[in-house]
Amino acid sequence: MNRLLHSGKFWTAIVDALISTLGIVLTWFLAPDKVTQVLTLIGMWQPVIAIVIASYAYEDAKKIEMGILPNPPIK
């Protein structure tokens, strides 16, 4: 659990989920023509967030390979 709370991947995903949720809730109060713009903007950022999370995962894998990070326990 401690490694999860220190994970960049985890916090990036949490922040993305919160911002996306806030954006969708915000659409409840916007004019109909603005809703599409907000949802499009959220959708446009999703690939960027996915790439950031994948980059964190790649870096962590390389660190494990090099022995910098301990191997994660397999359960």
PDB file of N, CA and C in Angstrom:
ATOM      1  N   MET A   1       0.831  -1.190   0.000  1.00  0.00           N
ATOM      2  CA  MET A   1       0.000   0.000   0.000  1.00  0.00           C
ATOM      3  C   MET A   1       0.875   1.253   0.000  1.00  0.00           C
ATOM      4  N   ASN A   2       1.986   1.195   0.728  1.00  0.00           N
ATOM      5  CA  ASN A   2       2.875   2.345   0.814  1.00  0.00           C
ATOM      6  C   ASN A   2       3.448   2.704  -0.557  1.00  0.00           C
ATOM      7  N   ARG A   3       3.813   1.672  -1.354  1.00  0.00           N
ATOM      8  CA  ARG A   3       4.344   1.938  -2.698  1.00  0.00           C
ATOM      9  C   ARG A   3       3.286   2.560  -3.587  1.00  0.00           C
ATOM     10  N   LEU A   4       2.046   2.162  -3.396  1.00  0.00           N
ATOM     11  CA  LEU A   4       0.955   2.718  -4.208  1.00  0.00           C
ATOM     12  C   LEU A   4       0.805   4.215  -3.950  1.00  0.00           C
ATOM     13  N   LEU A   5       0.874   4.611  -2.689  1.00  0.00           N
ATOM     14  CA  LEU A   5       0.690   6.021  -2.340  1.00  0.00           C
ATOM     15  C   LEU A   5       1.856   6.894  -2.801  1.00  0.00           C
ATOM     16  N   HIS A   6       2.993   6.291  -3.106  1.00  0.00           N
ATOM     17  CA  HIS A   6       4.147   7.036  -3.599  1.00  0.00           C
ATOM     18  C   HIS A   6       4.317   6.891  -5.108  1.00  0.00           C
ATOM     19  N   SER A   7       3.340   6.300  -5.762  1.00  0.00           N
ATOM     20  CA  SER A   7       3.423   6.030  -7.194  1.00  0.00           C
ATOM     21  C   SER A   7       2.931   7.225  -8.018  1.00  0.00           C
ATOM     22  N   GLY A   8       3.775   7.669  -8.945  1.00  0.00           N
ATOM     23  CA  GLY A   8       3.378   8.734  -9.857  1.00  0.00           C
ATOM     24  C   GLY A   8       2.232   8.296 -10.757  1.00  0.00           C
ATOM     25  N   LYS A   9       2.242   7.018 -11.140  1.00  0.00           N
ATOM     26  CA  LYS A   9       1.168   6.483 -11.985  1.00  0.00           C
ATOM     27  C   LYS A   9      -0.178   6.594 -11.271  1.00  0.00           C
ATOM     28  N   PHE A  10      -0.186   6.204 -10.013  1.00  0.00           N
ATOM     29  CA  PHE A  10      -1.414   6.223  -9.210  1.00  0.00           C
ATOM     30  C   PHE A  10      -1.962   7.641  -9.097  1.00  0.00           C
ATOM     31  N   TRP A  11      -1.120   8.588  -8.711  1.00  0.00           N
ATOM     32  CA  TRP A  11      -1.596   9.954  -8.496  1.00  0.00           C
ATOM     33  C   TRP A  11      -1.977  10.644  -9.799  1.00  0.00           C
ATOM     34  N   THR A  12      -1.291  10.327 -10.882  1.00  0.00           N
ATOM     35  CA  THR A  12      -1.686  10.880 -12.180  1.00  0.00           C
ATOM     36  C   THR A  12      -3.079  10.381 -12.558  1.00  0.00           C
ATOM     37  N   ALA A  13      -3.331   9.101 -12.340  1.00  0.00           N
ATOM     38  CA  ALA A  13      -4.649   8.532 -12.651  1.00  0.00           C
ATOM     39  C   ALA A  13      -5.733   9.130 -11.751  1.00  0.00           C
ATOM     40  N   ILE A  14      -5.418   9.323 -10.469  1.00  0.00           N
ATOM     41  CA  ILE A  14      -6.397   9.907  -9.540  1.00  0.00           C
ATOM     42  C   ILE A  14      -6.734  11.344  -9.942  1.00  0.00           C
ATOM     43  N   VAL A  15      -5.713  12.147 -10.225  1.00  0.00           N
ATOM     44  CA  VAL A  15      -5.948  13.535 -10.627  1.00  0.00           C
ATOM     45  C   VAL A  15      -6.746  13.582 -11.928  1.00  0.00           C
ATOM     46  N   ASP A  16      -6.418  12.706 -12.873  1.00  0.00           N
ATOM     47  CA  ASP A  16      -7.159  12.650 -14.134  1.00  0.00           C
ATOM     48  C   ASP A  16      -8.626  12.308 -13.884  1.00  0.00           C
ATOM     49  N   ALA A  17      -8.873  11.336 -13.027  1.00  0.00           N
ATOM     50  CA  ALA A  17     -10.252  10.946 -12.724  1.00  0.00           C
ATOM     51  C   ALA A  17     -11.013  12.087 -12.060  1.00  0.00           C
ATOM     52  N   LEU A  18     -10.366  12.785 -11.134  1.00  0.00           N
ATOM     53  CA  LEU A  18     -11.022  13.902 -10.457  1.00  0.00           C
ATOM     54  C   LEU A  18     -11.340  15.052 -11.414  1.00  0.00           C
ATOM     55  N   ILE A  19     -10.371  15.397 -12.262  1.00  0.00           N
ATOM     56  CA  ILE A  19     -10.597  16.486 -13.217  1.00  0.00           C
ATOM     57  C   ILE A  19     -11.674  16.103 -14.227  1.00  0.00           C
ATOM     58  N   SER A  20     -11.642  14.864 -14.702  1.00  0.00           N
ATOM     59  CA  SER A  20     -12.671  14.413 -15.646  1.00  0.00           C
ATOM     60  C   SER A  20     -14.052  14.429 -15.004  1.00  0.00           C
ATOM     61  N   THR A  21     -14.131  13.955 -13.768  1.00  0.00           N
ATOM     62  CA  THR A  21     -15.407  13.960 -13.056  1.00  0.00           C
ATOM     63  C   THR A  21     -15.901  15.386 -12.838  1.00  0.00           C
ATOM     64  N   LEU A  22     -15.005  16.269 -12.423  1.00  0.00           N
ATOM     65  CA  LEU A  22     -15.371  17.666 -12.245  1.00  0.00           C
ATOM     66  C   LEU A  22     -15.854  18.280 -13.554  1.00  0.00           C
ATOM     67  N   GLY A  23     -15.176  17.963 -14.647  1.00  0.00           N
ATOM     68  CA  GLY A  23     -15.588  18.476 -15.954  1.00  0.00           C
ATOM     69  C   GLY A  23     -16.965  18.001 -16.354  1.00  0.00           C
ATOM     70  N   ILE A  24     -17.262  16.741 -16.078  1.00  0.00           N
ATOM     71  CA  ILE A  24     -18.567  16.191 -16.432  1.00  0.00           C
ATOM     72  C   ILE A  24     -19.657  16.790 -15.538  1.00  0.00           C
ATOM     73  N   VAL A  25     -19.368  16.944 -14.241  1.00  0.00           N
ATOM     74  CA  VAL A  25     -20.339  17.572 -13.342  1.00  0.00           C
ATOM     75  C   VAL A  25     -20.581  19.026 -13.761  1.00  0.00           C
ATOM     76  N   LEU A  26     -19.525  19.691 -14.182  1.00  0.00           N
ATOM     77  CA  LEU A  26     -19.641  21.067 -14.639  1.00  0.00           C
ATOM     78  C   LEU A  26     -20.596  21.185 -15.832  1.00  0.00           C
ATOM     79  N   THR A  27     -20.629  20.167 -16.666  1.00  0.00           N
ATOM     80  CA  THR A  27     -21.511  20.216 -17.840  1.00  0.00           C
ATOM     81  C   THR A  27     -22.985  20.245 -17.453  1.00  0.00           C
ATOM     82  N   TRP A  28     -23.300  19.805 -16.248  1.00  0.00           N
ATOM     83  CA  TRP A  28     -24.697  19.855 -15.804  1.00  0.00           C
ATOM     84  C   TRP A  28     -25.189  21.297 -15.696  1.00  0.00           C
ATOM     85  N   PHE A  29     -24.253  22.225 -15.491  1.00  0.00           N
ATOM     86  CA  PHE A  29     -24.624  23.614 -15.251  1.00  0.00           C
ATOM     87  C   PHE A  29     -24.323  24.529 -16.438  1.00  0.00           C
ATOM     88  N   LEU A  30     -23.789  23.971 -17.504  1.00  0.00           N
ATOM     89  CA  LEU A  30     -23.422  24.782 -18.668  1.00  0.00           C
ATOM     90  C   LEU A  30     -24.522  24.795 -19.713  1.00  0.00           C
ATOM     91  N   ALA A  31     -24.423  25.760 -20.581  1.00  0.00           N
ATOM     92  CA  ALA A  31     -25.325  25.802 -21.733  1.00  0.00           C
ATOM     93  C   ALA A  31     -25.027  24.602 -22.624  1.00  0.00           C
ATOM     94  N   PRO A  32     -26.020  24.088 -23.305  1.00  0.00           N
ATOM     95  CA  PRO A  32     -25.834  22.888 -24.127  1.00  0.00           C
ATOM     96  C   PRO A  32     -24.702  22.984 -25.158  1.00  0.00           C
ATOM     97  N   ASP A  33     -24.482  24.164 -25.710  1.00  0.00           N
ATOM     98  CA  ASP A  33     -23.417  24.278 -26.712  1.00  0.00           C
ATOM     99  C   ASP A  33     -22.023  24.193 -26.075  1.00  0.00           C
ATOM    100  N   LYS A  34     -21.910  24.487 -24.786  1.00  0.00           N
ATOM    101  CA  LYS A  34     -20.619  24.405 -24.090  1.00  0.00           C
ATOM    102  C   LYS A  34     -20.303  22.985 -23.624  1.00  0.00           C
ATOM    103  N   VAL A  35     -21.336  22.168 -23.436  1.00  0.00           N
ATOM    104  CA  VAL A  35     -21.148  20.794 -22.965  1.00  0.00           C
ATOM    105  C   VAL A  35     -20.254  20.016 -23.925  1.00  0.00           C
ATOM    106  N   THR A  36     -20.528  20.118 -25.200  1.00  0.00           N
ATOM    107  CA  THR A  36     -19.729  19.409 -26.200  1.00  0.00           C
ATOM    108  C   THR A  36     -18.278  19.854 -26.157  1.00  0.00           C
ATOM    109  N   GLN A  37     -18.053  21.128 -25.965  1.00  0.00           N
ATOM    110  CA  GLN A  37     -16.681  21.639 -25.905  1.00  0.00           C
ATOM    111  C   GLN A  37     -15.940  21.091 -24.693  1.00  0.00           C
ATOM    112  N   VAL A  38     -16.593  21.062 -23.542  1.00  0.00           N
ATOM    113  CA  VAL A  38     -15.944  20.549 -22.327  1.00  0.00           C
ATOM    114  C   VAL A  38     -15.634  19.066 -22.479  1.00  0.00           C
ATOM    115  N   LEU A  39     -16.596  18.285 -22.958  1.00  0.00           N
ATOM    116  CA  LEU A  39     -16.377  16.851 -23.122  1.00  0.00           C
ATOM    117  C   LEU A  39     -15.305  16.552 -24.176  1.00  0.00           C
ATOM    118  N   THR A  40     -15.255  17.357 -25.229  1.00  0.00           N
ATOM    119  CA  THR A  40     -14.217  17.194 -26.244  1.00  0.00           C
ATOM    120  C   THR A  40     -12.843  17.480 -25.657  1.00  0.00           C
ATOM    121  N   LEU A  41     -12.746  18.514 -24.870  1.00  0.00           N
ATOM    122  CA  LEU A  41     -11.467  18.863 -24.240  1.00  0.00           C
ATOM    123  C   LEU A  41     -11.002  17.753 -23.300  1.00  0.00           C
ATOM    124  N   ILE A  42     -11.914  17.217 -22.496  1.00  0.00           N
ATOM    125  CA  ILE A  42     -11.560  16.104 -21.606  1.00  0.00           C
ATOM    126  C   ILE A  42     -11.080  14.916 -22.434  1.00  0.00           C
ATOM    127  N   GLY A  43     -11.797  14.602 -23.499  1.00  0.00           N
ATOM    128  CA  GLY A  43     -11.415  13.487 -24.365  1.00  0.00           C
ATOM    129  C   GLY A  43     -10.076  13.696 -25.049  1.00  0.00           C
ATOM    130  N   MET A  44      -9.772  14.923 -25.403  1.00  0.00           N
ATOM    131  CA  MET A  44      -8.489  15.207 -26.072  1.00  0.00           C
ATOM    132  C   MET A  44      -7.305  15.008 -25.123  1.00  0.00           C
ATOM    133  N   TRP A  45      -7.505  15.220 -23.845  1.00  0.00           N
ATOM    134  CA  TRP A  45      -6.412  15.076 -22.883  1.00  0.00           C
ATOM    135  C   TRP A  45      -6.185  13.631 -22.442  1.00  0.00           C
ATOM    136  N   GLN A  46      -7.139  12.754 -22.660  1.00  0.00           N
ATOM    137  CA  GLN A  46      -6.996  11.375 -22.192  1.00  0.00           C
ATOM    138  C   GLN A  46      -5.784  10.646 -22.787  1.00  0.00           C
ATOM    139  N   PRO A  47      -5.498  10.772 -24.093  1.00  0.00           N
ATOM    140  CA  PRO A  47      -4.294  10.111 -24.612  1.00  0.00           C
ATOM    141  C   PRO A  47      -3.009  10.658 -23.996  1.00  0.00           C
ATOM    142  N   VAL A  48      -2.991  11.945 -23.700  1.00  0.00           N
ATOM    143  CA  VAL A  48      -1.803  12.542 -23.070  1.00  0.00           C
ATOM    144  C   VAL A  48      -1.596  11.935 -21.688  1.00  0.00           C
ATOM    145  N   ILE A  49      -2.650  11.820 -20.919  1.00  0.00           N
ATOM    146  CA  ILE A  49      -2.561  11.227 -19.582  1.00  0.00           C
ATOM    147  C   ILE A  49      -2.132   9.768 -19.684  1.00  0.00           C
ATOM    148  N   ALA A  50      -2.667   9.038 -20.647  1.00  0.00           N
ATOM    149  CA  ALA A  50      -2.280   7.633 -20.829  1.00  0.00           C
ATOM    150  C   ALA A  50      -0.790   7.520 -21.145  1.00  0.00           C
ATOM    151  N   ILE A  51      -0.270   8.425 -21.959  1.00  0.00           N
ATOM    152  CA  ILE A  51       1.160   8.405 -22.297  1.00  0.00           C
ATOM    153  C   ILE A  51       2.004   8.725 -21.073  1.00  0.00           C
ATOM    154  N   VAL A  52       1.569   9.665 -20.258  1.00  0.00           N
ATOM    155  CA  VAL A  52       2.310  10.000 -19.029  1.00  0.00           C
ATOM    156  C   VAL A  52       2.361   8.783 -18.100  1.00  0.00           C
ATOM    157  N   ILE A  53       1.239   8.119 -17.912  1.00  0.00           N
ATOM    158  CA  ILE A  53       1.195   6.933 -17.052  1.00  0.00           C
ATOM    159  C   ILE A  53       2.070   5.823 -17.631  1.00  0.00           C
ATOM    160  N   ALA A  54       2.011   5.618 -18.941  1.00  0.00           N
ATOM    161  CA  ALA A  54       2.861   4.604 -19.579  1.00  0.00           C
ATOM    162  C   ALA A  54       4.340   4.948 -19.426  1.00  0.00           C
ATOM    163  N   SER A  55       4.677   6.222 -19.484  1.00  0.00           N
ATOM    164  CA  SER A  55       6.067   6.644 -19.302  1.00  0.00           C
ATOM    165  C   SER A  55       6.549   6.349 -17.887  1.00  0.00           C
ATOM    166  N   TYR A  56       5.695   6.627 -16.893  1.00  0.00           N
ATOM    167  CA  TYR A  56       6.046   6.273 -15.516  1.00  0.00           C
ATOM    168  C   TYR A  56       6.284   4.766 -15.396  1.00  0.00           C
ATOM    169  N   ALA A  57       5.404   3.977 -16.008  1.00  0.00           N
ATOM    170  CA  ALA A  57       5.539   2.523 -15.933  1.00  0.00           C
ATOM    171  C   ALA A  57       6.825   2.055 -16.609  1.00  0.00           C
ATOM    172  N   TYR A  58       7.159   2.640 -17.743  1.00  0.00           N
ATOM    173  CA  TYR A  58       8.391   2.282 -18.461  1.00  0.00           C
ATOM    174  C   TYR A  58       9.618   2.623 -17.606  1.00  0.00           C
ATOM    175  N   GLU A  59       9.615   3.812 -17.014  1.00  0.00           N
ATOM    176  CA  GLU A  59      10.732   4.212 -16.149  1.00  0.00           C
ATOM    177  C   GLU A  59      10.866   3.273 -14.954  1.00  0.00           C
ATOM    178  N   ASP A  60       9.743   2.926 -14.334  1.00  0.00           N
ATOM    179  CA  ASP A  60       9.790   2.007 -13.198  1.00  0.00           C
ATOM    180  C   ASP A  60      10.333   0.644 -13.613  1.00  0.00           C
ATOM    181  N   ALA A  61       9.920   0.153 -14.782  1.00  0.00           N
ATOM    182  CA  ALA A  61      10.410  -1.140 -15.266  1.00  0.00           C
ATOM    183  C   ALA A  61      11.917  -1.091 -15.496  1.00  0.00           C
ATOM    184  N   LYS A  62      12.401  -0.012 -16.065  1.00  0.00           N
ATOM    185  CA  LYS A  62      13.848   0.128 -16.294  1.00  0.00           C
ATOM    186  C   LYS A  62      14.601   0.202 -14.969  1.00  0.00           C
ATOM    187  N   LYS A  63      14.038   0.904 -13.981  1.00  0.00           N
ATOM    188  CA  LYS A  63      14.681   0.987 -12.669  1.00  0.00           C
ATOM    189  C   LYS A  63      14.740  -0.385 -12.000  1.00  0.00           C
ATOM    190  N   ILE A  64      13.678  -1.162 -12.138  1.00  0.00           N
ATOM    191  CA  ILE A  64      13.670  -2.516 -11.586  1.00  0.00           C
ATOM    192  C   ILE A  64      14.714  -3.364 -12.291  1.00  0.00           C
ATOM    193  N   GLU A  65      14.784  -3.233 -13.613  1.00  0.00           N
ATOM    194  CA  GLU A  65      15.784  -3.967 -14.408  1.00  0.00           C
ATOM    195  C   GLU A  65      17.200  -3.648 -13.957  1.00  0.00           C
ATOM    196  N   MET A  66      17.453  -2.374 -13.657  1.00  0.00           N
ATOM    197  CA  MET A  66      18.778  -1.940 -13.253  1.00  0.00           C
ATOM    198  C   MET A  66      19.057  -2.183 -11.773  1.00  0.00           C
ATOM    199  N   GLY A  67      18.052  -2.617 -11.032  1.00  0.00           N
ATOM    200  CA  GLY A  67      18.228  -2.896  -9.618  1.00  0.00           C
ATOM    201  C   GLY A  67      18.070  -1.681  -8.730  1.00  0.00           C
ATOM    202  N   ILE A  68      17.571  -0.583  -9.275  1.00  0.00           N
ATOM    203  CA  ILE A  68      17.393   0.625  -8.480  1.00  0.00           C
ATOM    204  C   ILE A  68      16.148   0.489  -7.594  1.00  0.00           C
ATOM    205  N   LEU A  69      15.094  -0.047  -8.146  1.00  0.00           N
ATOM    206  CA  LEU A  69      13.882  -0.318  -7.363  1.00  0.00           C
ATOM    207  C   LEU A  69      13.845  -1.814  -7.063  1.00  0.00           C
ATOM    208  N   PRO A  70      13.335  -2.188  -5.889  1.00  0.00           N
ATOM    209  CA  PRO A  70      13.190  -3.622  -5.615  1.00  0.00           C
ATOM    210  C   PRO A  70      12.097  -4.209  -6.497  1.00  0.00           C
ATOM    211  N   ASN A  71      12.243  -5.470  -6.801  1.00  0.00           N
ATOM    212  CA  ASN A  71      11.199  -6.145  -7.576  1.00  0.00           C
ATOM    213  C   ASN A  71       9.904  -6.149  -6.787  1.00  0.00           C
ATOM    214  N   PRO A  72       8.790  -5.875  -7.439  1.00  0.00           N
ATOM    215  CA  PRO A  72       7.519  -5.887  -6.721  1.00  0.00           C
ATOM    216  C   PRO A  72       7.176  -7.314  -6.306  1.00  0.00           C
ATOM    217  N   PRO A  73       6.583  -7.477  -5.145  1.00  0.00           N
ATOM    218  CA  PRO A  73       6.203  -8.829  -4.702  1.00  0.00           C
ATOM    219  C   PRO A  73       5.116  -9.391  -5.609  1.00  0.00           C
ATOM    220  N   ILE A  74       5.248 -10.652  -5.928  1.00  0.00           N
ATOM    221  CA  ILE A  74       4.239 -11.338  -6.764  1.00  0.00           C
ATOM    222  C   ILE A  74       3.338 -12.126  -5.839  1.00  0.00           C
ATOM    223  N   LYS A  75       2.044 -11.875  -5.965  1.00  0.00           N
ATOM    224  CA  LYS A  75       1.092 -12.572  -5.077  1.00  0.00           C
ATOM    225  C   LYS A  75       0.132 -13.381  -5.885  1.00  0.00           C
TER     226      LYS A  75
END
